[in-house]
C-alpha atoms as a PDB file:
ATOM      1  CA  MET A   1      26.655 -66.774  41.514  1.00  0.00           C
ATOM      2  CA  GLU A   2      27.665 -69.997  43.174  1.00  0.00           C
ATOM      3  CA  ALA A   3      29.822 -70.796  46.008  1.00  0.00           C
ATOM      4  CA  ILE A   4      31.138 -73.855  48.246  1.00  0.00           C
ATOM      5  CA  ILE A   5      30.931 -73.273  51.874  1.00  0.00           C
ATOM      6  CA  LYS A   6      32.331 -75.288  54.642  1.00  0.00           C
ATOM      7  CA  THR A   7      30.324 -75.815  58.098  1.00  0.00           C
ATOM      8  CA  GLY A   8      30.135 -78.617  60.540  1.00  0.00           C
ATOM      9  CA  GLY A   9      32.648 -80.565  58.777  1.00  0.00           C
ATOM     10  CA  HIS A  10      30.808 -80.668  55.628  1.00  0.00           C
ATOM     11  CA  GLN A  11      31.195 -78.832  52.438  1.00  0.00           C
ATOM     12  CA  TYR A  12      28.042 -77.555  50.572  1.00  0.00           C
ATOM     13  CA  ARG A  13      27.567 -76.382  46.754  1.00  0.00           C
ATOM     14  CA  VAL A  14      24.971 -73.357  47.435  1.00  0.00           C
ATOM     15  CA  LYS A  15      23.139 -70.778  44.949  1.00  0.00           C
ATOM     16  CA  GLU A  16      21.047 -67.933  46.080  1.00  0.00           C
ATOM     17  CA  GLY A  17      17.578 -69.281  47.030  1.00  0.00           C
ATOM     18  CA  ASP A  18      18.749 -72.753  48.077  1.00  0.00           C
ATOM     19  CA  VAL A  19      17.678 -74.648  51.046  1.00  0.00           C
ATOM     20  CA  ILE A  20      20.312 -76.729  52.514  1.00  0.00           C
ATOM     21  CA  LYS A  21      20.400 -78.994  55.447  1.00  0.00           C
ATOM     22  CA  VAL A  22      23.475 -78.649  57.819  1.00  0.00           C
ATOM     23  CA  GLN A  23      24.551 -79.813  61.112  1.00  0.00           C
ATOM     24  CA  LYS A  24      22.934 -78.158  63.772  1.00  0.00           C
ATOM     25  CA  LEU A  25      23.518 -74.460  64.287  1.00  0.00           C
ATOM     26  CA  PRO A  26      22.522 -72.033  67.262  1.00  0.00           C
ATOM     27  CA  GLY A  27      19.641 -69.882  66.735  1.00  0.00           C
ATOM     28  CA  GLU A  28      15.862 -69.820  66.425  1.00  0.00           C
ATOM     29  CA  VAL A  29      13.760 -70.123  63.136  1.00  0.00           C
ATOM     30  CA  GLY A  30      13.986 -66.696  61.464  1.00  0.00           C
ATOM     31  CA  THR A  31      17.100 -65.739  62.521  1.00  0.00           C
ATOM     32  CA  LYS A  32      20.221 -64.873  60.212  1.00  0.00           C
ATOM     33  CA  VAL A  33      23.151 -66.950  59.723  1.00  0.00           C
ATOM     34  CA  LYS A  34      26.430 -65.911  58.101  1.00  0.00           C
ATOM     35  CA  PHE A  35      28.891 -68.604  56.643  1.00  0.00           C
ATOM     36  CA  GLU A  36      32.424 -67.106  56.506  1.00  0.00           C
ATOM     37  CA  THR A  37      34.351 -70.148  55.471  1.00  0.00           C
ATOM     38  CA  VAL A  38      33.966 -69.749  51.714  1.00  0.00           C
ATOM     39  CA  LEU A  39      36.176 -72.278  49.465  1.00  0.00           C
ATOM     40  CA  PHE A  40      35.113 -71.341  46.108  1.00  0.00           C
ATOM     41  CA  LEU A  41      33.203 -68.575  44.287  1.00  0.00           C
ATOM     42  CA  LYS A  42      31.860 -68.742  40.726  1.00  0.00           C
ATOM     43  CA  ASP A  43      30.297 -65.488  39.224  1.00  0.00           C
ATOM     44  CA  GLY A  44      29.471 -65.933  35.558  1.00  0.00           C
ATOM     45  CA  GLU A  45      32.778 -66.796  33.956  1.00  0.00           C
ATOM     46  CA  LYS A  46      34.808 -65.536  36.819  1.00  0.00           C
ATOM     47  CA  ILE A  47      36.190 -68.169  39.347  1.00  0.00           C
ATOM     48  CA  THR A  48      37.865 -67.698  42.553  1.00  0.00           C
ATOM     49  CA  PHE A  49      39.583 -70.476  44.493  1.00  0.00           C
ATOM     50  CA  GLY A  50      40.387 -69.920  48.010  1.00  0.00           C
ATOM     51  CA  ALA A  51      43.827 -70.719  49.496  1.00  0.00           C
ATOM     52  CA  PRO A  52      42.424 -72.136  51.881  1.00  0.00           C
ATOM     53  CA  ILE A  53      39.371 -69.656  51.969  1.00  0.00           C
ATOM     54  CA  VAL A  54      38.170 -66.779  49.695  1.00  0.00           C
ATOM     55  CA  GLU A  55      39.163 -63.466  51.638  1.00  0.00           C
ATOM     56  CA  ASP A  56      36.447 -61.192  52.528  1.00  0.00           C
ATOM     57  CA  ALA A  57      33.877 -63.495  51.167  1.00  0.00           C
ATOM     58  CA  PHE A  58      30.599 -64.627  52.972  1.00  0.00           C
ATOM     59  CA  VAL A  59      27.327 -66.215  52.604  1.00  0.00           C
ATOM     60  CA  GLU A  60      24.111 -65.167  54.264  1.00  0.00           C
ATOM     61  CA  GLY A  61      21.035 -67.284  55.171  1.00  0.00           C
ATOM     62  CA  THR A  62      18.017 -67.717  57.210  1.00  0.00           C
ATOM     63  CA  VAL A  63      17.289 -70.341  59.502  1.00  0.00           C
ATOM     64  CA  LYS A  64      13.948 -72.067  58.358  1.00  0.00           C
ATOM     65  CA  GLU A  65      13.704 -75.207  60.510  1.00  0.00           C
ATOM     66  CA  GLN A  66      15.485 -76.809  63.484  1.00  0.00           C
ATOM     67  CA  GLY A  67      14.986 -80.572  63.828  1.00  0.00           C
ATOM     68  CA  ARG A  68      16.147 -83.955  64.162  1.00  0.00           C
ATOM     69  CA  ASP A  69      16.551 -86.673  61.420  1.00  0.00           C
ATOM     70  CA  LYS A  70      15.008 -89.881  61.144  1.00  0.00           C
ATOM     71  CA  LYS A  71      16.338 -92.453  63.592  1.00  0.00           C
ATOM     72  CA  ILE A  72      19.209 -94.893  62.751  1.00  0.00           C
ATOM     73  CA  THR A  73      19.490 -98.256  64.234  1.00  0.00           C
ATOM     74  CA  VAL A  74      22.917 -99.088  65.546  1.00  0.00           C
ATOM     75  CA  PHE A  75      23.386-102.929  66.252  1.00  0.00           C
ATOM     76  CA  PHE A  76      26.453-104.580  67.804  1.00  0.00           C
ATOM     77  CA  TYR A  77      26.838-108.410  67.549  1.00  0.00           C
ATOM     78  CA  ARG A  78      29.566-110.631  68.507  1.00  0.00           C
ATOM     79  CA  HIS A  79      28.852-114.286  67.447  1.00  0.00           C
ATOM     80  CA  LYS A  80      29.223-117.309  69.815  1.00  0.00           C
ATOM     81  CA  THR A  81      29.137-115.269  72.894  1.00  0.00           C
ATOM     82  CA  ARG A  82      25.425-113.989  72.852  1.00  0.00           C
ATOM     83  CA  ASN A  83      26.952-110.538  73.024  1.00  0.00           C
ATOM     84  CA  LYS A  84      24.779-107.934  71.497  1.00  0.00           C
ATOM     85  CA  LYS A  85      23.946-104.262  71.957  1.00  0.00           C
ATOM     86  CA  LYS A  86      21.234-102.378  70.038  1.00  0.00           C
ATOM     87  CA  SER A  87      20.960 -98.540  70.306  1.00  0.00           C
ATOM     88  CA  GLY A  88      19.633 -95.623  68.237  1.00  0.00           C
ATOM     89  CA  HIS A  89      20.601 -92.117  67.248  1.00  0.00           C
ATOM     90  CA  LYS A  90      18.808 -89.022  65.898  1.00  0.00           C
ATOM     91  CA  GLN A  91      21.151 -86.360  64.380  1.00  0.00           C
ATOM     92  CA  PRO A  92      20.008 -82.770  64.863  1.00  0.00           C
ATOM     93  CA  PHE A  93      19.953 -80.648  61.935  1.00  0.00           C
ATOM     94  CA  THR A  94      19.037 -77.158  60.888  1.00  0.00           C
ATOM     95  CA  LYS A  95      17.658 -76.153  57.222  1.00  0.00           C
ATOM     96  CA  VAL A  96      19.040 -72.840  55.929  1.00  0.00           C
ATOM     97  CA  GLN A  97      17.773 -70.896  52.968  1.00  0.00           C
ATOM     98  CA  ILE A  98      20.828 -69.224  51.299  1.00  0.00           C
ATOM     99  CA  GLU A  99      19.759 -65.371  50.698  1.00  0.00           C
ATOM    100  CA  LYS A 100      23.103 -63.885  49.513  1.00  0.00           C
ATOM    101  CA  ILE A 101      26.537 -64.408  48.423  1.00  0.00           C
ATOM    102  CA  VAL A 102      28.893 -61.695  48.772  1.00  0.00           C
ATOM    103  CA  ALA A 103      32.489 -61.879  47.081  1.00  0.00           C
ATOM    104  CA  GLY A 104      35.449 -60.370  48.523  1.00  0.00           C
ATOM    105  CA  GLY A 105      35.783 -56.746  47.561  1.00  0.00           C
ATOM    106  CA  GLU A 106      31.957 -55.802  47.206  1.00  0.00           C
END
């Protein structure tokens, strides 16, 4: 069974057993997470599209890691004026292991 879920402004294609890296979610390592915004379901040959979401469907997972990505450098430069600014950013993330996908009506 496959699904496409939406969280943190991004869409992810997931299967049971996958480990995905999503925008930071609240919760400690080991807690359960439930994604209720399911846009697409595929169970063998049966395909269900949401309009915009699939009713009564959800995806459950477990938080495996909370962390921060590699630092990215942001450099602003305006020529001929000696105007420059350098800054950095580390984006927080959550790794989630998908445990089960439940279709509507199950």
